Amino acid sequence: MTSLDRKKWFDRMQPQTLQIATWLLYLNGFFSLVSLFDKTGYLGDMRYRFGFGYLLGLVIVALHASGGFMMANDRKLGYRLAVAAAVVPFLVRFAAVRDVATNNFANVSLLDHLIARPLGGSTLSVLFDAALVALLLHRQSRDHQRIWYH
């Protein structure tokens, strides 16, 4: 088994779906890191309300970065980490919404509870997360990683 090439952060020989997914992993990882230190994002909200929120945010950032890096180096583990990194933001947003619903915060409006909270306050962020899931689970991506990744 060959070791990981520390200089290889992107593979131009992969299909476009995986190339774009790799860039989105790095981009979403960066914005997850920013969200971790900002109280307005879903990760910042989890960090602010729970003791494990900071650690959870660091794990999410690490999933994005390591998934992209290992996919660029043709690793199946990297693809699995990337899929986990793509799905986790939706789970964390759902947990944040559920916590708000169960605690019945008085300052949260119905509109905020139904729309803004599940989206993490940013529709554009959710669109990038959904695009990442779609790119990774696309048939071309799954076939390529099944055949060429080791």
N, C-alpha and C. Protein backbone atom coordinates (compact mmCIF):
# COMPACT_ATOMS: atom_id res chain seq x y z
N MET A 1 0.84 -1.18 0.00
CA MET A 1 0.00 0.00 0.00
C MET A 1 0.89 1.24 0.00
N THR A 2 0.58 2.18 -0.85
CA THR A 2 1.36 3.40 -0.95
C THR A 2 0.90 4.40 0.11
N SER A 3 1.82 5.27 0.47
CA SER A 3 1.47 6.28 1.47
C SER A 3 0.79 7.46 0.77
N LEU A 4 0.21 8.31 1.59
CA LEU A 4 -0.46 9.49 1.07
C LEU A 4 0.57 10.53 0.63
N ASP A 5 0.31 11.14 -0.50
CA ASP A 5 1.18 12.20 -1.01
C ASP A 5 0.72 13.52 -0.39
N ARG A 6 1.56 14.10 0.45
CA ARG A 6 1.18 15.32 1.17
C ARG A 6 1.01 16.51 0.23
N LYS A 7 1.55 16.44 -0.96
CA LYS A 7 1.44 17.55 -1.91
C LYS A 7 0.23 17.44 -2.84
N LYS A 8 -0.45 16.31 -2.79
CA LYS A 8 -1.57 16.08 -3.70
C LYS A 8 -2.89 16.39 -2.99
N TRP A 9 -3.44 17.57 -3.28
CA TRP A 9 -4.69 18.00 -2.66
C TRP A 9 -5.85 17.96 -3.64
N PHE A 10 -5.56 17.66 -4.90
CA PHE A 10 -6.59 17.64 -5.94
C PHE A 10 -6.13 16.69 -7.04
N ASP A 11 -7.08 15.93 -7.60
CA ASP A 11 -6.76 14.98 -8.66
C ASP A 11 -7.55 15.35 -9.91
N ARG A 12 -6.85 15.83 -10.93
CA ARG A 12 -7.51 16.23 -12.17
C ARG A 12 -7.97 15.05 -13.01
N MET A 13 -7.56 13.85 -12.66
CA MET A 13 -7.93 12.67 -13.43
C MET A 13 -9.25 12.04 -12.96
N GLN A 14 -9.80 12.53 -11.90
CA GLN A 14 -11.08 12.03 -11.41
C GLN A 14 -12.22 12.62 -12.24
N PRO A 15 -13.40 12.00 -12.19
CA PRO A 15 -14.54 12.59 -12.90
C PRO A 15 -14.91 13.95 -12.29
N GLN A 16 -15.62 14.74 -13.08
CA GLN A 16 -15.98 16.09 -12.63
C GLN A 16 -16.76 16.09 -11.34
N THR A 17 -17.59 15.09 -11.13
CA THR A 17 -18.38 15.06 -9.90
C THR A 17 -17.47 14.99 -8.67
N LEU A 18 -16.43 14.18 -8.74
CA LEU A 18 -15.51 14.06 -7.61
C LEU A 18 -14.57 15.26 -7.51
N GLN A 19 -14.22 15.85 -8.65
CA GLN A 19 -13.39 17.05 -8.61
C GLN A 19 -14.12 18.19 -7.90
N ILE A 20 -15.36 18.41 -8.29
CA ILE A 20 -16.15 19.48 -7.67
C ILE A 20 -16.42 19.15 -6.20
N ALA A 21 -16.69 17.88 -5.91
CA ALA A 21 -16.93 17.47 -4.53
C ALA A 21 -15.69 17.72 -3.67
N THR A 22 -14.51 17.49 -4.21
CA THR A 22 -13.28 17.74 -3.46
C THR A 22 -13.15 19.21 -3.11
N TRP A 23 -13.40 20.08 -4.09
CA TRP A 23 -13.33 21.52 -3.82
C TRP A 23 -14.41 21.94 -2.82
N LEU A 24 -15.61 21.38 -2.95
CA LEU A 24 -16.68 21.72 -2.00
C LEU A 24 -16.35 21.23 -0.59
N LEU A 25 -15.68 20.11 -0.47
CA LEU A 25 -15.27 19.63 0.85
C LEU A 25 -14.33 20.63 1.50
N TYR A 26 -13.35 21.11 0.76
CA TYR A 26 -12.43 22.10 1.31
C TYR A 26 -13.15 23.40 1.65
N LEU A 27 -14.03 23.84 0.75
CA LEU A 27 -14.76 25.09 0.96
C LEU A 27 -15.72 24.98 2.15
N ASN A 28 -16.48 23.89 2.22
CA ASN A 28 -17.40 23.70 3.34
C ASN A 28 -16.65 23.51 4.65
N GLY A 29 -15.49 22.88 4.59
CA GLY A 29 -14.67 22.73 5.79
C GLY A 29 -14.21 24.08 6.32
N PHE A 30 -13.81 24.97 5.40
CA PHE A 30 -13.40 26.31 5.81
C PHE A 30 -14.56 27.07 6.44
N PHE A 31 -15.72 27.02 5.78
CA PHE A 31 -16.86 27.74 6.32
C PHE A 31 -17.40 27.10 7.60
N SER A 32 -17.19 25.81 7.77
CA SER A 32 -17.54 25.16 9.04
C SER A 32 -16.63 25.66 10.15
N LEU A 33 -15.37 25.87 9.83
CA LEU A 33 -14.44 26.41 10.82
C LEU A 33 -14.83 27.83 11.21
N VAL A 34 -15.22 28.63 10.23
CA VAL A 34 -15.68 29.99 10.52
C VAL A 34 -16.95 29.94 11.36
N SER A 35 -17.86 29.04 11.00
CA SER A 35 -19.12 28.90 11.74
C SER A 35 -18.90 28.44 13.17
N LEU A 36 -17.85 27.70 13.38
CA LEU A 36 -17.55 27.21 14.73
C LEU A 36 -17.26 28.36 15.69
N PHE A 37 -16.62 29.41 15.19
CA PHE A 37 -16.27 30.54 16.04
C PHE A 37 -17.29 31.67 16.00
N ASP A 38 -18.33 31.51 15.21
CA ASP A 38 -19.38 32.52 15.08
C ASP A 38 -20.67 31.96 15.68
N LYS A 39 -21.32 32.70 16.53
CA LYS A 39 -22.53 32.20 17.20
C LYS A 39 -23.74 32.12 16.29
N THR A 40 -23.71 32.74 15.13
CA THR A 40 -24.90 32.77 14.28
C THR A 40 -25.08 31.49 13.48
N GLY A 41 -24.03 30.74 13.21
CA GLY A 41 -24.15 29.50 12.46
C GLY A 41 -24.59 28.36 13.36
N TYR A 42 -24.93 27.25 12.74
CA TYR A 42 -25.41 26.10 13.51
C TYR A 42 -24.31 25.51 14.38
N LEU A 43 -23.06 25.51 13.90
CA LEU A 43 -21.97 24.99 14.73
C LEU A 43 -21.66 25.93 15.89
N GLY A 44 -21.71 27.21 15.63
CA GLY A 44 -21.50 28.18 16.70
C GLY A 44 -22.60 28.09 17.74
N ASP A 45 -23.81 27.83 17.29
CA ASP A 45 -24.93 27.65 18.21
C ASP A 45 -24.72 26.42 19.08
N MET A 46 -24.27 25.32 18.48
CA MET A 46 -23.99 24.11 19.25
C MET A 46 -22.82 24.34 20.22
N ARG A 47 -21.81 25.07 19.78
CA ARG A 47 -20.66 25.37 20.65
C ARG A 47 -21.08 26.21 21.83
N TYR A 48 -21.97 27.15 21.57
CA TYR A 48 -22.41 28.06 22.62
C TYR A 48 -23.28 27.36 23.65
N ARG A 49 -24.12 26.43 23.21
CA ARG A 49 -25.09 25.81 24.12
C ARG A 49 -24.61 24.52 24.78
N PHE A 50 -23.67 23.82 24.19
CA PHE A 50 -23.25 22.52 24.71
C PHE A 50 -21.74 22.48 24.90
N GLY A 51 -21.31 21.73 25.89
CA GLY A 51 -19.87 21.60 26.15
C GLY A 51 -19.15 20.84 25.06
N PHE A 52 -19.82 19.88 24.44
CA PHE A 52 -19.19 19.07 23.39
C PHE A 52 -19.29 19.73 22.02
N GLY A 53 -19.93 20.88 21.92
CA GLY A 53 -20.13 21.53 20.63
C GLY A 53 -18.85 21.92 19.94
N TYR A 54 -17.87 22.38 20.71
CA TYR A 54 -16.59 22.77 20.13
C TYR A 54 -15.87 21.56 19.53
N LEU A 55 -15.87 20.46 20.28
CA LEU A 55 -15.25 19.23 19.80
C LEU A 55 -15.97 18.69 18.57
N LEU A 56 -17.30 18.74 18.59
CA LEU A 56 -18.09 18.31 17.43
C LEU A 56 -17.75 19.14 16.20
N GLY A 57 -17.62 20.44 16.38
CA GLY A 57 -17.25 21.31 15.26
C GLY A 57 -15.89 20.99 14.70
N LEU A 58 -14.92 20.73 15.57
CA LEU A 58 -13.58 20.36 15.10
C LEU A 58 -13.59 19.04 14.35
N VAL A 59 -14.42 18.10 14.80
CA VAL A 59 -14.54 16.82 14.11
C VAL A 59 -15.13 17.03 12.72
N ILE A 60 -16.14 17.88 12.61
CA ILE A 60 -16.76 18.15 11.31
C ILE A 60 -15.76 18.80 10.36
N VAL A 61 -14.99 19.76 10.85
CA VAL A 61 -13.96 20.41 10.02
C VAL A 61 -12.92 19.37 9.59
N ALA A 62 -12.50 18.51 10.50
CA ALA A 62 -11.52 17.47 10.17
C ALA A 62 -12.07 16.47 9.15
N LEU A 63 -13.36 16.14 9.27
CA LEU A 63 -13.97 15.23 8.29
C LEU A 63 -13.91 15.83 6.89
N HIS A 64 -14.24 17.11 6.77
CA HIS A 64 -14.20 17.76 5.46
C HIS A 64 -12.78 17.75 4.88
N ALA A 65 -11.83 18.20 5.68
CA ALA A 65 -10.45 18.31 5.18
C ALA A 65 -9.85 16.94 4.86
N SER A 66 -10.00 16.00 5.77
CA SER A 66 -9.41 14.68 5.54
C SER A 66 -10.13 13.92 4.42
N GLY A 67 -11.44 14.09 4.31
CA GLY A 67 -12.17 13.46 3.23
C GLY A 67 -11.71 13.95 1.87
N GLY A 68 -11.57 15.26 1.72
CA GLY A 68 -11.09 15.82 0.46
C GLY A 68 -9.67 15.41 0.13
N PHE A 69 -8.80 15.46 1.15
CA PHE A 69 -7.40 15.10 0.94
C PHE A 69 -7.25 13.63 0.57
N MET A 70 -7.96 12.76 1.28
CA MET A 70 -7.83 11.34 0.99
C MET A 70 -8.52 10.95 -0.32
N MET A 71 -9.58 11.66 -0.70
CA MET A 71 -10.18 11.42 -2.02
C MET A 71 -9.21 11.81 -3.13
N ALA A 72 -8.49 12.90 -2.93
CA ALA A 72 -7.49 13.32 -3.92
C ALA A 72 -6.38 12.29 -4.06
N ASN A 73 -6.16 11.51 -3.00
CA ASN A 73 -5.15 10.46 -3.02
C ASN A 73 -5.75 9.08 -3.28
N ASP A 74 -6.97 9.04 -3.81
CA ASP A 74 -7.64 7.80 -4.24
C ASP A 74 -7.81 6.77 -3.12
N ARG A 75 -8.36 7.20 -2.02
CA ARG A 75 -8.60 6.30 -0.89
C ARG A 75 -10.09 6.11 -0.66
N LYS A 76 -10.51 4.87 -0.50
CA LYS A 76 -11.92 4.58 -0.19
C LYS A 76 -12.32 5.17 1.15
N LEU A 77 -11.41 5.14 2.10
CA LEU A 77 -11.70 5.74 3.40
C LEU A 77 -11.99 7.23 3.25
N GLY A 78 -11.29 7.89 2.35
CA GLY A 78 -11.53 9.31 2.09
C GLY A 78 -12.93 9.55 1.55
N TYR A 79 -13.38 8.66 0.67
CA TYR A 79 -14.74 8.79 0.14
C TYR A 79 -15.77 8.60 1.25
N ARG A 80 -15.54 7.64 2.11
CA ARG A 80 -16.47 7.40 3.23
C ARG A 80 -16.48 8.58 4.20
N LEU A 81 -15.31 9.14 4.48
CA LEU A 81 -15.25 10.32 5.34
C LEU A 81 -15.95 11.51 4.69
N ALA A 82 -15.81 11.63 3.38
CA ALA A 82 -16.45 12.72 2.65
C ALA A 82 -17.97 12.60 2.71
N VAL A 83 -18.48 11.39 2.54
CA VAL A 83 -19.94 11.20 2.64
C VAL A 83 -20.41 11.52 4.05
N ALA A 84 -19.65 11.10 5.05
CA ALA A 84 -20.01 11.43 6.44
C ALA A 84 -19.97 12.93 6.66
N ALA A 85 -18.95 13.60 6.12
CA ALA A 85 -18.85 15.05 6.26
C ALA A 85 -20.00 15.77 5.56
N ALA A 86 -20.49 15.19 4.48
CA ALA A 86 -21.58 15.82 3.74
C ALA A 86 -22.92 15.65 4.46
N VAL A 87 -23.09 14.55 5.18
CA VAL A 87 -24.37 14.26 5.84
C VAL A 87 -24.46 14.88 7.24
N VAL A 88 -23.34 14.96 7.93
CA VAL A 88 -23.34 15.43 9.32
C VAL A 88 -23.95 16.82 9.50
N PRO A 89 -23.70 17.80 8.63
CA PRO A 89 -24.33 19.11 8.85
C PRO A 89 -25.86 19.06 8.92
N PHE A 90 -26.47 18.19 8.13
CA PHE A 90 -27.92 18.06 8.18
C PHE A 90 -28.36 17.47 9.52
N LEU A 91 -27.61 16.50 10.04
CA LEU A 91 -27.94 15.91 11.33
C LEU A 91 -27.76 16.90 12.46
N VAL A 92 -26.70 17.70 12.40
CA VAL A 92 -26.46 18.69 13.45
C VAL A 92 -27.53 19.77 13.41
N ARG A 93 -27.91 20.20 12.20
CA ARG A 93 -28.99 21.19 12.10
C ARG A 93 -30.29 20.63 12.67
N PHE A 94 -30.60 19.38 12.36
CA PHE A 94 -31.81 18.75 12.88
C PHE A 94 -31.76 18.68 14.40
N ALA A 95 -30.61 18.34 14.96
CA ALA A 95 -30.47 18.28 16.42
C ALA A 95 -30.65 19.66 17.04
N ALA A 96 -30.13 20.69 16.38
CA ALA A 96 -30.29 22.05 16.90
C ALA A 96 -31.75 22.47 16.87
N VAL A 97 -32.45 22.14 15.79
CA VAL A 97 -33.87 22.49 15.68
C VAL A 97 -34.68 21.71 16.72
N ARG A 98 -34.36 20.46 16.88
CA ARG A 98 -35.09 19.64 17.84
C ARG A 98 -34.88 20.15 19.27
N ASP A 99 -33.67 20.58 19.57
CA ASP A 99 -33.40 21.12 20.90
C ASP A 99 -34.18 22.40 21.14
N VAL A 100 -34.26 23.24 20.12
CA VAL A 100 -35.05 24.48 20.24
C VAL A 100 -36.51 24.14 20.45
N ALA A 101 -37.02 23.13 19.73
CA ALA A 101 -38.43 22.76 19.83
C ALA A 101 -38.75 22.16 21.20
N THR A 102 -37.85 21.36 21.75
CA THR A 102 -38.14 20.72 23.03
C THR A 102 -37.99 21.68 24.20
N ASN A 103 -37.14 22.69 24.06
CA ASN A 103 -36.95 23.64 25.17
C ASN A 103 -37.90 24.83 25.09
N ASN A 104 -38.64 24.94 23.99
CA ASN A 104 -39.63 26.01 23.82
C ASN A 104 -39.08 27.38 24.17
N PHE A 105 -38.04 27.78 23.47
CA PHE A 105 -37.48 29.10 23.70
C PHE A 105 -38.50 30.16 23.32
N ALA A 106 -38.73 31.09 24.21
CA ALA A 106 -39.77 32.11 24.01
C ALA A 106 -39.39 33.11 22.93
N ASN A 107 -38.10 33.35 22.74
CA ASN A 107 -37.69 34.38 21.77
C ASN A 107 -37.54 33.84 20.35
N VAL A 108 -37.91 32.60 20.11
CA VAL A 108 -37.82 32.01 18.77
C VAL A 108 -39.20 32.02 18.13
N SER A 109 -39.32 32.74 17.03
CA SER A 109 -40.61 32.83 16.35
C SER A 109 -40.90 31.55 15.59
N LEU A 110 -42.15 31.40 15.18
CA LEU A 110 -42.54 30.21 14.42
C LEU A 110 -41.81 30.16 13.08
N LEU A 111 -41.67 31.31 12.42
CA LEU A 111 -40.96 31.37 11.15
C LEU A 111 -39.49 30.96 11.34
N ASP A 112 -38.88 31.47 12.39
CA ASP A 112 -37.49 31.13 12.68
C ASP A 112 -37.37 29.64 12.98
N HIS A 113 -38.32 29.11 13.70
CA HIS A 113 -38.29 27.70 14.08
C HIS A 113 -38.49 26.78 12.87
N LEU A 114 -39.36 27.14 11.96
CA LEU A 114 -39.68 26.27 10.83
C LEU A 114 -38.73 26.42 9.65
N ILE A 115 -38.21 27.62 9.43
CA ILE A 115 -37.42 27.85 8.23
C ILE A 115 -35.95 28.13 8.52
N ALA A 116 -35.67 29.15 9.30
CA ALA A 116 -34.29 29.59 9.47
C ALA A 116 -33.47 28.59 10.27
N ARG A 117 -34.02 28.02 11.31
CA ARG A 117 -33.26 27.08 12.13
C ARG A 117 -32.84 25.82 11.36
N PRO A 118 -33.73 25.16 10.63
CA PRO A 118 -33.27 23.97 9.89
C PRO A 118 -32.21 24.30 8.83
N LEU A 119 -32.28 25.49 8.30
CA LEU A 119 -31.32 25.88 7.28
C LEU A 119 -30.04 26.43 7.88
N GLY A 120 -29.98 26.53 9.19
CA GLY A 120 -28.78 27.04 9.83
C GLY A 120 -28.62 28.53 9.66
N GLY A 121 -29.69 29.22 9.29
CA GLY A 121 -29.62 30.66 9.12
C GLY A 121 -29.17 31.09 7.74
N SER A 122 -28.70 30.17 6.90
CA SER A 122 -28.20 30.53 5.59
C SER A 122 -28.64 29.50 4.55
N THR A 123 -29.45 29.96 3.62
CA THR A 123 -29.93 29.07 2.56
C THR A 123 -28.78 28.66 1.65
N LEU A 124 -27.86 29.58 1.42
CA LEU A 124 -26.72 29.27 0.54
C LEU A 124 -25.87 28.16 1.13
N SER A 125 -25.68 28.16 2.43
CA SER A 125 -24.93 27.09 3.09
C SER A 125 -25.59 25.74 2.89
N VAL A 126 -26.91 25.70 3.01
CA VAL A 126 -27.63 24.44 2.82
C VAL A 126 -27.53 23.98 1.37
N LEU A 127 -27.57 24.91 0.43
CA LEU A 127 -27.43 24.54 -0.97
C LEU A 127 -26.07 23.91 -1.26
N PHE A 128 -25.01 24.45 -0.66
CA PHE A 128 -23.68 23.86 -0.84
C PHE A 128 -23.62 22.48 -0.21
N ASP A 129 -24.22 22.32 0.96
CA ASP A 129 -24.24 21.01 1.62
C ASP A 129 -25.02 19.99 0.79
N ALA A 130 -26.16 20.41 0.25
CA ALA A 130 -26.96 19.50 -0.58
C ALA A 130 -26.24 19.16 -1.87
N ALA A 131 -25.56 20.13 -2.47
CA ALA A 131 -24.80 19.87 -3.69
C ALA A 131 -23.67 18.87 -3.42
N LEU A 132 -23.04 18.99 -2.27
CA LEU A 132 -21.97 18.06 -1.92
C LEU A 132 -22.49 16.63 -1.78
N VAL A 133 -23.63 16.48 -1.13
CA VAL A 133 -24.23 15.15 -0.99
C VAL A 133 -24.57 14.59 -2.37
N ALA A 134 -25.18 15.42 -3.21
CA ALA A 134 -25.57 14.97 -4.56
C ALA A 134 -24.35 14.57 -5.39
N LEU A 135 -23.28 15.34 -5.31
CA LEU A 135 -22.08 15.02 -6.08
C LEU A 135 -21.42 13.72 -5.61
N LEU A 136 -21.37 13.54 -4.31
CA LEU A 136 -20.72 12.34 -3.78
C LEU A 136 -21.54 11.08 -4.03
N LEU A 137 -22.86 11.19 -3.99
CA LEU A 137 -23.71 10.02 -4.18
C LEU A 137 -24.12 9.81 -5.64
N HIS A 138 -23.62 10.66 -6.52
CA HIS A 138 -23.89 10.51 -7.95
C HIS A 138 -23.32 9.18 -8.43
N ARG A 139 -23.98 8.59 -9.39
CA ARG A 139 -23.58 7.27 -9.89
C ARG A 139 -22.14 7.26 -10.41
N GLN A 140 -21.77 8.32 -11.10
CA GLN A 140 -20.42 8.40 -11.65
C GLN A 140 -19.37 8.43 -10.52
N SER A 141 -19.65 9.14 -9.45
CA SER A 141 -18.73 9.19 -8.31
C SER A 141 -18.63 7.84 -7.62
N ARG A 142 -19.78 7.21 -7.40
CA ARG A 142 -19.77 5.91 -6.72
C ARG A 142 -19.04 4.86 -7.56
N ASP A 143 -19.27 4.86 -8.87
CA ASP A 143 -18.60 3.90 -9.73
C ASP A 143 -17.09 4.12 -9.76
N HIS A 144 -16.69 5.38 -9.85
CA HIS A 144 -15.25 5.68 -9.90
C HIS A 144 -14.56 5.25 -8.62
N GLN A 145 -15.13 5.57 -7.47
CA GLN A 145 -14.47 5.21 -6.22
C GLN A 145 -14.47 3.70 -6.01
N ARG A 146 -15.52 3.03 -6.47
CA ARG A 146 -15.58 1.58 -6.34
C ARG A 146 -14.51 0.90 -7.18
N ILE A 147 -14.25 1.42 -8.37
CA ILE A 147 -13.31 0.79 -9.29
C ILE A 147 -11.86 1.22 -9.01
N TRP A 148 -11.62 2.52 -8.80
CA TRP A 148 -10.27 3.04 -8.80
C TRP A 148 -9.68 3.29 -7.42
N TYR A 149 -10.50 3.51 -6.42
CA TYR A 149 -9.96 3.81 -5.09
C TYR A 149 -9.47 2.54 -4.43
N HIS A 150 -8.48 2.66 -3.61
CA HIS A 150 -7.96 1.52 -2.85
C HIS A 150 -7.84 1.89 -1.38
